[in-house]
Amino acid sequence: MPTTMLIVEKTINQHDLEYVVGLHADNVEEGMAAENYVVVVPVGKENGKVLATLDDLALGNFKGAEEDSHDEPLNEAVVAARAVLTATVQAFQDAGKQAAGELLAGPPVDGLKEIAAKYVVDEIIVLTVPHLVEEFFHRDLASRLRKATDLPTLRLLAHVQLD
């Protein structure tokens, strides 16, 4: 069965869910098995406070740049990540798709390589809010995963409201 690893930071919304599922809509018609999804949610923020603040400023999110929202205690981060994971896996299941989920703590590239091997992943989709500074220098997660795994890796921008 083909398997896609989907990395998200926030709960997937209906628009993004339909888009991701639509990418594999022809599988069954082409004689392939239906796509399985492995949802991965990183715990906490990988990028530092400085990069997060620069991203907020670049996106015109001045309220986010001045707030101290880039720091969060670990247990709060785990609870938040688990809520995102549960809701996103449930959204795929409600859409009639098979989905499993994993929380990711620690170095993201190494952890994601392990998860990809565990589930025998065929492709990776990184669905996150824009990280302009990292993307400009090709240090974003999708670019690093593409190099580290040799798997097809698609970078999609999540449809989220900025304050």
N, C-alpha and C. Protein backbone atom coordinates (compact mmCIF):
# COMPACT_ATOMS: atom_id res chain seq x y z
N MET A 1 0.84 -1.19 0.00
CA MET A 1 0.00 0.00 0.00
C MET A 1 0.88 1.24 0.00
N PRO A 2 0.60 2.17 -0.88
CA PRO A 2 1.38 3.40 -0.87
C PRO A 2 1.14 4.19 0.42
N THR A 3 2.19 4.77 0.94
CA THR A 3 2.09 5.50 2.21
C THR A 3 2.74 6.86 2.07
N THR A 4 2.01 7.87 2.53
CA THR A 4 2.49 9.24 2.53
C THR A 4 2.67 9.70 3.97
N MET A 5 3.82 10.26 4.26
CA MET A 5 4.04 10.87 5.57
C MET A 5 3.71 12.35 5.44
N LEU A 6 2.81 12.82 6.27
CA LEU A 6 2.37 14.21 6.26
C LEU A 6 2.82 14.87 7.55
N ILE A 7 3.63 15.89 7.43
CA ILE A 7 4.13 16.61 8.59
C ILE A 7 3.35 17.90 8.71
N VAL A 8 2.71 18.11 9.87
CA VAL A 8 1.91 19.31 10.10
C VAL A 8 2.30 19.95 11.43
N GLU A 9 2.09 21.25 11.52
CA GLU A 9 2.30 21.98 12.77
C GLU A 9 0.98 22.31 13.45
N LYS A 10 -0.05 22.44 12.63
CA LYS A 10 -1.38 22.79 13.13
C LYS A 10 -2.39 21.78 12.59
N THR A 11 -3.54 21.71 13.24
CA THR A 11 -4.58 20.80 12.80
C THR A 11 -4.95 21.11 11.35
N ILE A 12 -5.05 20.09 10.55
CA ILE A 12 -5.36 20.28 9.13
C ILE A 12 -6.79 20.81 9.00
N ASN A 13 -6.98 21.77 8.10
CA ASN A 13 -8.33 22.27 7.88
C ASN A 13 -8.93 21.52 6.68
N GLN A 14 -10.19 21.74 6.44
CA GLN A 14 -10.91 20.99 5.40
C GLN A 14 -10.31 21.22 4.01
N HIS A 15 -9.96 22.45 3.72
CA HIS A 15 -9.39 22.78 2.41
C HIS A 15 -8.09 22.01 2.18
N ASP A 16 -7.20 22.03 3.16
CA ASP A 16 -5.92 21.33 3.02
C ASP A 16 -6.11 19.82 2.99
N LEU A 17 -7.05 19.31 3.77
CA LEU A 17 -7.34 17.88 3.77
C LEU A 17 -7.79 17.43 2.38
N GLU A 18 -8.73 18.15 1.80
CA GLU A 18 -9.22 17.81 0.46
C GLU A 18 -8.10 17.89 -0.57
N TYR A 19 -7.22 18.86 -0.43
CA TYR A 19 -6.12 19.00 -1.38
C TYR A 19 -5.15 17.82 -1.28
N VAL A 20 -4.76 17.47 -0.05
CA VAL A 20 -3.81 16.36 0.15
C VAL A 20 -4.43 15.05 -0.33
N VAL A 21 -5.67 14.79 0.04
CA VAL A 21 -6.34 13.56 -0.39
C VAL A 21 -6.50 13.57 -1.91
N GLY A 22 -6.78 14.72 -2.48
CA GLY A 22 -6.94 14.84 -3.93
C GLY A 22 -5.68 14.52 -4.71
N LEU A 23 -4.53 14.70 -4.09
CA LEU A 23 -3.26 14.36 -4.76
C LEU A 23 -3.18 12.87 -5.10
N HIS A 24 -3.93 12.05 -4.33
CA HIS A 24 -3.87 10.60 -4.52
C HIS A 24 -5.21 10.03 -4.98
N ALA A 25 -6.08 10.87 -5.47
CA ALA A 25 -7.44 10.45 -5.83
C ALA A 25 -7.45 9.42 -6.96
N ASP A 26 -6.47 9.45 -7.83
CA ASP A 26 -6.45 8.55 -8.99
C ASP A 26 -5.82 7.19 -8.69
N ASN A 27 -5.31 7.00 -7.50
CA ASN A 27 -4.62 5.72 -7.18
C ASN A 27 -5.49 4.51 -7.49
N VAL A 28 -6.69 4.50 -6.98
CA VAL A 28 -7.57 3.33 -7.13
C VAL A 28 -7.95 3.15 -8.60
N GLU A 29 -8.26 4.25 -9.28
CA GLU A 29 -8.61 4.18 -10.70
C GLU A 29 -7.48 3.63 -11.55
N GLU A 30 -6.24 3.86 -11.10
CA GLU A 30 -5.07 3.40 -11.84
C GLU A 30 -4.61 2.01 -11.39
N GLY A 31 -5.45 1.36 -10.58
CA GLY A 31 -5.15 0.00 -10.15
C GLY A 31 -4.23 -0.10 -8.96
N MET A 32 -3.96 1.01 -8.33
CA MET A 32 -3.11 1.00 -7.13
C MET A 32 -3.99 0.90 -5.89
N ALA A 33 -3.39 0.54 -4.79
CA ALA A 33 -4.12 0.52 -3.53
C ALA A 33 -4.36 1.95 -3.07
N ALA A 34 -5.36 2.11 -2.21
CA ALA A 34 -5.64 3.43 -1.65
C ALA A 34 -4.47 3.89 -0.79
N GLU A 35 -4.26 5.18 -0.75
CA GLU A 35 -3.15 5.76 0.00
C GLU A 35 -3.36 5.66 1.50
N ASN A 36 -2.30 5.33 2.23
CA ASN A 36 -2.28 5.41 3.69
C ASN A 36 -1.54 6.68 4.08
N TYR A 37 -1.91 7.25 5.20
CA TYR A 37 -1.27 8.48 5.65
C TYR A 37 -0.69 8.26 7.04
N VAL A 38 0.51 8.79 7.24
CA VAL A 38 1.13 8.82 8.55
C VAL A 38 1.32 10.30 8.88
N VAL A 39 0.56 10.76 9.85
CA VAL A 39 0.61 12.16 10.26
C VAL A 39 1.68 12.30 11.34
N VAL A 40 2.58 13.25 11.16
CA VAL A 40 3.63 13.49 12.14
C VAL A 40 3.54 14.95 12.59
N VAL A 41 3.54 15.13 13.91
CA VAL A 41 3.49 16.47 14.48
C VAL A 41 4.73 16.67 15.35
N PRO A 42 5.57 17.63 14.98
CA PRO A 42 6.73 17.93 15.83
C PRO A 42 6.27 18.55 17.15
N VAL A 43 6.95 18.19 18.22
CA VAL A 43 6.65 18.74 19.54
C VAL A 43 7.49 19.99 19.72
N GLY A 44 6.83 21.12 19.98
CA GLY A 44 7.55 22.37 20.16
C GLY A 44 7.96 22.96 18.83
N LYS A 45 8.83 23.94 18.92
CA LYS A 45 9.30 24.61 17.71
C LYS A 45 10.76 24.28 17.50
N GLU A 46 11.05 23.80 16.29
CA GLU A 46 12.43 23.47 15.96
C GLU A 46 13.25 24.74 15.79
N ASN A 47 12.68 25.70 15.08
CA ASN A 47 13.45 26.91 14.84
C ASN A 47 13.46 27.77 16.10
N GLY A 48 14.49 28.54 16.24
CA GLY A 48 14.66 29.35 17.44
C GLY A 48 13.74 30.55 17.47
N LYS A 49 13.77 31.23 18.59
CA LYS A 49 12.92 32.39 18.79
C LYS A 49 13.24 33.51 17.79
N VAL A 50 14.52 33.68 17.47
CA VAL A 50 14.91 34.73 16.54
C VAL A 50 14.32 34.47 15.15
N LEU A 51 14.46 33.22 14.65
CA LEU A 51 13.91 32.90 13.33
C LEU A 51 12.39 33.01 13.33
N ALA A 52 11.74 32.57 14.41
CA ALA A 52 10.28 32.66 14.48
C ALA A 52 9.84 34.12 14.46
N THR A 53 10.55 34.98 15.15
CA THR A 53 10.22 36.40 15.16
C THR A 53 10.44 37.01 13.78
N LEU A 54 11.54 36.66 13.10
CA LEU A 54 11.79 37.15 11.75
C LEU A 54 10.70 36.69 10.79
N ASP A 55 10.27 35.43 10.92
CA ASP A 55 9.17 34.93 10.09
C ASP A 55 7.91 35.75 10.32
N ASP A 56 7.59 36.02 11.59
CA ASP A 56 6.40 36.82 11.91
C ASP A 56 6.49 38.19 11.26
N LEU A 57 7.65 38.84 11.36
CA LEU A 57 7.82 40.16 10.77
C LEU A 57 7.71 40.11 9.24
N ALA A 58 8.33 39.10 8.63
CA ALA A 58 8.28 38.97 7.17
C ALA A 58 6.86 38.74 6.67
N LEU A 59 6.04 38.08 7.48
CA LEU A 59 4.66 37.80 7.09
C LEU A 59 3.70 38.92 7.49
N GLY A 60 4.24 39.97 8.11
CA GLY A 60 3.38 41.08 8.54
C GLY A 60 2.60 40.77 9.80
N ASN A 61 2.99 39.75 10.52
CA ASN A 61 2.32 39.37 11.77
C ASN A 61 3.03 40.07 12.92
N PHE A 62 2.82 41.38 13.03
CA PHE A 62 3.54 42.18 14.02
C PHE A 62 3.14 41.82 15.44
N LYS A 63 1.90 41.42 15.64
CA LYS A 63 1.46 41.01 16.98
C LYS A 63 2.23 39.78 17.44
N GLY A 64 2.40 38.80 16.54
CA GLY A 64 3.14 37.59 16.88
C GLY A 64 4.61 37.86 17.13
N ALA A 65 5.18 38.85 16.43
CA ALA A 65 6.59 39.16 16.58
C ALA A 65 6.90 39.76 17.93
N GLU A 66 5.96 40.55 18.47
CA GLU A 66 6.24 41.19 19.76
C GLU A 66 5.85 40.33 20.95
N GLU A 67 5.01 39.33 20.73
CA GLU A 67 4.61 38.46 21.83
C GLU A 67 5.71 37.48 22.18
N ASP A 68 5.64 36.97 23.37
CA ASP A 68 6.61 35.97 23.81
C ASP A 68 6.05 34.58 23.55
N SER A 69 5.32 34.41 22.44
CA SER A 69 4.63 33.15 22.14
C SER A 69 5.56 32.08 21.59
N HIS A 70 6.83 32.42 21.38
CA HIS A 70 7.75 31.45 20.81
C HIS A 70 8.39 30.56 21.87
N ASP A 71 8.10 30.85 23.14
CA ASP A 71 8.57 30.00 24.23
C ASP A 71 7.37 29.28 24.82
N GLU A 72 7.49 27.97 25.01
CA GLU A 72 6.43 27.23 25.66
C GLU A 72 7.04 26.07 26.41
N PRO A 73 6.54 25.81 27.62
CA PRO A 73 7.07 24.66 28.38
C PRO A 73 6.82 23.36 27.63
N LEU A 74 7.70 22.38 27.86
CA LEU A 74 7.64 21.13 27.11
C LEU A 74 6.32 20.40 27.27
N ASN A 75 5.79 20.28 28.50
CA ASN A 75 4.54 19.52 28.66
C ASN A 75 3.38 20.21 27.96
N GLU A 76 3.37 21.54 27.92
CA GLU A 76 2.33 22.23 27.17
C GLU A 76 2.49 21.95 25.67
N ALA A 77 3.73 21.89 25.22
CA ALA A 77 3.99 21.61 23.81
C ALA A 77 3.55 20.19 23.46
N VAL A 78 3.77 19.23 24.34
CA VAL A 78 3.35 17.85 24.08
C VAL A 78 1.83 17.76 24.02
N VAL A 79 1.16 18.42 24.96
CA VAL A 79 -0.31 18.40 24.98
C VAL A 79 -0.85 19.03 23.70
N ALA A 80 -0.27 20.16 23.29
CA ALA A 80 -0.73 20.83 22.08
C ALA A 80 -0.48 19.96 20.85
N ALA A 81 0.71 19.36 20.77
CA ALA A 81 1.04 18.51 19.61
C ALA A 81 0.13 17.29 19.56
N ARG A 82 -0.16 16.69 20.72
CA ARG A 82 -1.04 15.52 20.75
C ARG A 82 -2.45 15.89 20.28
N ALA A 83 -2.92 17.08 20.64
CA ALA A 83 -4.25 17.53 20.20
C ALA A 83 -4.27 17.71 18.68
N VAL A 84 -3.22 18.31 18.13
CA VAL A 84 -3.12 18.48 16.68
C VAL A 84 -3.09 17.12 15.99
N LEU A 85 -2.30 16.21 16.53
CA LEU A 85 -2.17 14.86 15.96
C LEU A 85 -3.51 14.13 15.96
N THR A 86 -4.18 14.13 17.09
CA THR A 86 -5.46 13.42 17.22
C THR A 86 -6.49 13.99 16.25
N ALA A 87 -6.59 15.32 16.20
CA ALA A 87 -7.59 15.95 15.32
C ALA A 87 -7.28 15.71 13.84
N THR A 88 -6.01 15.74 13.47
CA THR A 88 -5.64 15.57 12.07
C THR A 88 -5.84 14.12 11.62
N VAL A 89 -5.43 13.17 12.45
CA VAL A 89 -5.67 11.75 12.12
C VAL A 89 -7.17 11.49 12.01
N GLN A 90 -7.94 12.05 12.92
CA GLN A 90 -9.40 11.88 12.89
C GLN A 90 -10.00 12.47 11.62
N ALA A 91 -9.47 13.61 11.17
CA ALA A 91 -9.97 14.24 9.94
C ALA A 91 -9.76 13.31 8.74
N PHE A 92 -8.60 12.67 8.66
CA PHE A 92 -8.36 11.72 7.57
C PHE A 92 -9.29 10.52 7.68
N GLN A 93 -9.47 10.01 8.88
CA GLN A 93 -10.35 8.86 9.07
C GLN A 93 -11.79 9.22 8.75
N ASP A 94 -12.22 10.42 9.13
CA ASP A 94 -13.58 10.87 8.80
C ASP A 94 -13.77 11.00 7.29
N ALA A 95 -12.66 11.24 6.57
CA ALA A 95 -12.73 11.34 5.12
C ALA A 95 -12.61 9.96 4.46
N GLY A 96 -12.61 8.92 5.28
CA GLY A 96 -12.56 7.56 4.75
C GLY A 96 -11.16 7.07 4.42
N LYS A 97 -10.15 7.70 4.95
CA LYS A 97 -8.77 7.33 4.65
C LYS A 97 -8.13 6.66 5.86
N GLN A 98 -7.18 5.76 5.58
CA GLN A 98 -6.44 5.13 6.67
C GLN A 98 -5.34 6.08 7.10
N ALA A 99 -5.25 6.32 8.41
CA ALA A 99 -4.24 7.24 8.92
C ALA A 99 -3.77 6.78 10.29
N ALA A 100 -2.48 6.96 10.50
CA ALA A 100 -1.86 6.72 11.80
C ALA A 100 -1.14 8.01 12.16
N GLY A 101 -0.63 8.09 13.37
CA GLY A 101 0.03 9.31 13.78
C GLY A 101 1.20 9.06 14.70
N GLU A 102 2.13 10.00 14.67
CA GLU A 102 3.33 9.95 15.51
C GLU A 102 3.66 11.36 15.96
N LEU A 103 4.07 11.49 17.22
CA LEU A 103 4.65 12.74 17.70
C LEU A 103 6.15 12.67 17.46
N LEU A 104 6.75 13.80 17.17
CA LEU A 104 8.18 13.85 16.91
C LEU A 104 8.84 14.80 17.89
N ALA A 105 9.73 14.26 18.70
CA ALA A 105 10.52 15.08 19.61
C ALA A 105 11.98 14.87 19.27
N GLY A 106 12.76 15.90 19.43
CA GLY A 106 14.18 15.76 19.14
C GLY A 106 14.52 16.24 17.76
N PRO A 107 15.74 15.91 17.30
CA PRO A 107 16.18 16.35 15.97
C PRO A 107 15.21 15.87 14.89
N PRO A 108 14.61 16.79 14.14
CA PRO A 108 13.53 16.41 13.23
C PRO A 108 13.96 15.52 12.07
N VAL A 109 15.07 15.79 11.44
CA VAL A 109 15.43 15.01 10.25
C VAL A 109 15.70 13.56 10.62
N ASP A 110 16.47 13.34 11.67
CA ASP A 110 16.75 11.97 12.10
C ASP A 110 15.48 11.24 12.53
N GLY A 111 14.64 11.93 13.30
CA GLY A 111 13.39 11.32 13.75
C GLY A 111 12.46 11.00 12.60
N LEU A 112 12.38 11.89 11.63
CA LEU A 112 11.50 11.66 10.48
C LEU A 112 12.02 10.55 9.59
N LYS A 113 13.34 10.42 9.48
CA LYS A 113 13.91 9.30 8.72
C LYS A 113 13.53 7.97 9.38
N GLU A 114 13.54 7.93 10.71
CA GLU A 114 13.16 6.71 11.43
C GLU A 114 11.68 6.39 11.20
N ILE A 115 10.84 7.40 11.28
CA ILE A 115 9.40 7.20 11.08
C ILE A 115 9.14 6.75 9.64
N ALA A 116 9.84 7.35 8.68
CA ALA A 116 9.68 6.96 7.27
C ALA A 116 10.05 5.50 7.07
N ALA A 117 11.11 5.07 7.73
CA ALA A 117 11.53 3.66 7.60
C ALA A 117 10.54 2.73 8.29
N LYS A 118 10.04 3.15 9.45
CA LYS A 118 9.09 2.32 10.21
C LYS A 118 7.83 2.04 9.40
N TYR A 119 7.31 3.05 8.71
CA TYR A 119 6.06 2.91 7.96
C TYR A 119 6.28 2.63 6.47
N VAL A 120 7.51 2.48 6.05
CA VAL A 120 7.86 2.27 4.64
C VAL A 120 7.18 3.33 3.77
N VAL A 121 7.53 4.55 4.03
CA VAL A 121 6.92 5.72 3.38
C VAL A 121 7.41 5.84 1.94
N ASP A 122 6.49 6.19 1.05
CA ASP A 122 6.81 6.39 -0.37
C ASP A 122 7.06 7.84 -0.72
N GLU A 123 6.43 8.74 0.03
CA GLU A 123 6.60 10.17 -0.23
C GLU A 123 6.34 10.95 1.05
N ILE A 124 6.80 12.20 1.04
CA ILE A 124 6.65 13.07 2.20
C ILE A 124 5.98 14.36 1.76
N ILE A 125 5.01 14.80 2.55
CA ILE A 125 4.39 16.11 2.34
C ILE A 125 4.60 16.91 3.62
N VAL A 126 5.19 18.08 3.47
CA VAL A 126 5.38 18.99 4.60
C VAL A 126 4.34 20.11 4.43
N LEU A 127 3.36 20.13 5.31
CA LEU A 127 2.25 21.10 5.25
C LEU A 127 2.36 22.00 6.47
N THR A 128 3.02 23.14 6.28
CA THR A 128 3.26 24.03 7.41
C THR A 128 2.99 25.47 7.00
N VAL A 129 2.94 26.32 8.02
CA VAL A 129 2.85 27.76 7.77
C VAL A 129 4.17 28.21 7.16
N PRO A 130 4.20 29.35 6.49
CA PRO A 130 5.45 29.80 5.88
C PRO A 130 6.55 30.03 6.92
N HIS A 131 7.74 29.61 6.57
CA HIS A 131 8.95 29.90 7.36
C HIS A 131 9.92 30.56 6.38
N LEU A 132 9.69 31.84 6.14
CA LEU A 132 10.35 32.52 5.03
C LEU A 132 11.86 32.56 5.13
N VAL A 133 12.39 32.81 6.31
CA VAL A 133 13.84 32.92 6.43
C VAL A 133 14.50 31.58 6.12
N GLU A 134 13.99 30.51 6.72
CA GLU A 134 14.56 29.18 6.47
C GLU A 134 14.37 28.77 5.01
N GLU A 135 13.22 29.05 4.44
CA GLU A 135 12.97 28.68 3.05
C GLU A 135 13.89 29.41 2.09
N PHE A 136 14.16 30.68 2.39
CA PHE A 136 15.04 31.47 1.53
C PHE A 136 16.42 30.84 1.44
N PHE A 137 16.92 30.33 2.57
CA PHE A 137 18.24 29.72 2.60
C PHE A 137 18.21 28.20 2.40
N HIS A 138 17.06 27.66 2.03
CA HIS A 138 16.87 26.22 1.81
C HIS A 138 17.26 25.41 3.04
N ARG A 139 16.94 25.94 4.23
CA ARG A 139 17.17 25.24 5.48
C ARG A 139 15.84 24.81 6.10
N ASP A 140 14.77 24.95 5.34
CA ASP A 140 13.46 24.51 5.80
C ASP A 140 13.43 22.99 5.86
N LEU A 141 12.47 22.46 6.59
CA LEU A 141 12.38 21.03 6.81
C LEU A 141 12.23 20.24 5.52
N ALA A 142 11.41 20.72 4.59
CA ALA A 142 11.21 19.99 3.34
C ALA A 142 12.52 19.87 2.56
N SER A 143 13.29 20.93 2.47
CA SER A 143 14.57 20.88 1.74
C SER A 143 15.54 19.91 2.41
N ARG A 144 15.60 19.94 3.73
CA ARG A 144 16.52 19.04 4.43
C ARG A 144 16.09 17.59 4.31
N LEU A 145 14.77 17.33 4.36
CA LEU A 145 14.27 15.95 4.21
C LEU A 145 14.52 15.42 2.80
N ARG A 146 14.33 16.27 1.82
CA ARG A 146 14.54 15.86 0.42
C ARG A 146 15.98 15.35 0.24
N LYS A 147 16.93 16.05 0.85
CA LYS A 147 18.33 15.66 0.74
C LYS A 147 18.65 14.42 1.57
N ALA A 148 18.05 14.33 2.75
CA ALA A 148 18.40 13.27 3.70
C ALA A 148 17.74 11.93 3.38
N THR A 149 16.58 11.94 2.73
CA THR A 149 15.83 10.70 2.53
C THR A 149 15.80 10.20 1.10
N ASP A 150 16.06 11.05 0.14
CA ASP A 150 15.92 10.71 -1.27
C ASP A 150 14.49 10.31 -1.63
N LEU A 151 13.53 10.70 -0.82
CA LEU A 151 12.12 10.45 -1.11
C LEU A 151 11.52 11.70 -1.76
N PRO A 152 10.52 11.52 -2.63
CA PRO A 152 9.83 12.69 -3.15
C PRO A 152 9.24 13.48 -1.99
N THR A 153 9.55 14.76 -1.94
CA THR A 153 9.10 15.60 -0.82
C THR A 153 8.44 16.84 -1.38
N LEU A 154 7.19 17.04 -0.99
CA LEU A 154 6.39 18.16 -1.47
C LEU A 154 6.19 19.15 -0.33
N ARG A 155 6.42 20.41 -0.59
CA ARG A 155 6.22 21.46 0.41
C ARG A 155 4.94 22.19 0.08
N LEU A 156 3.98 22.17 1.00
CA LEU A 156 2.71 22.89 0.82
C LEU A 156 2.54 23.89 1.94
N LEU A 157 1.95 25.04 1.62
CA LEU A 157 1.66 26.04 2.63
C LEU A 157 0.27 25.78 3.19
N ALA A 158 0.21 25.67 4.49
CA ALA A 158 -1.08 25.46 5.16
C ALA A 158 -1.90 26.74 5.08
N HIS A 159 -3.18 26.57 4.93
CA HIS A 159 -4.09 27.72 4.91
C HIS A 159 -4.48 28.04 6.34
N VAL A 160 -3.79 29.00 6.92
CA VAL A 160 -4.08 29.41 8.29
C VAL A 160 -4.27 30.93 8.31
N GLN A 161 -5.04 31.38 9.25
CA GLN A 161 -5.26 32.81 9.42
C GLN A 161 -4.13 33.39 10.24
N LEU A 162 -3.53 34.45 9.75
CA LEU A 162 -2.52 35.16 10.53
C LEU A 162 -3.20 36.27 11.30
N ASP A 163 -2.77 36.50 12.52
CA ASP A 163 -3.36 37.56 13.34
C ASP A 163 -3.07 38.92 12.79
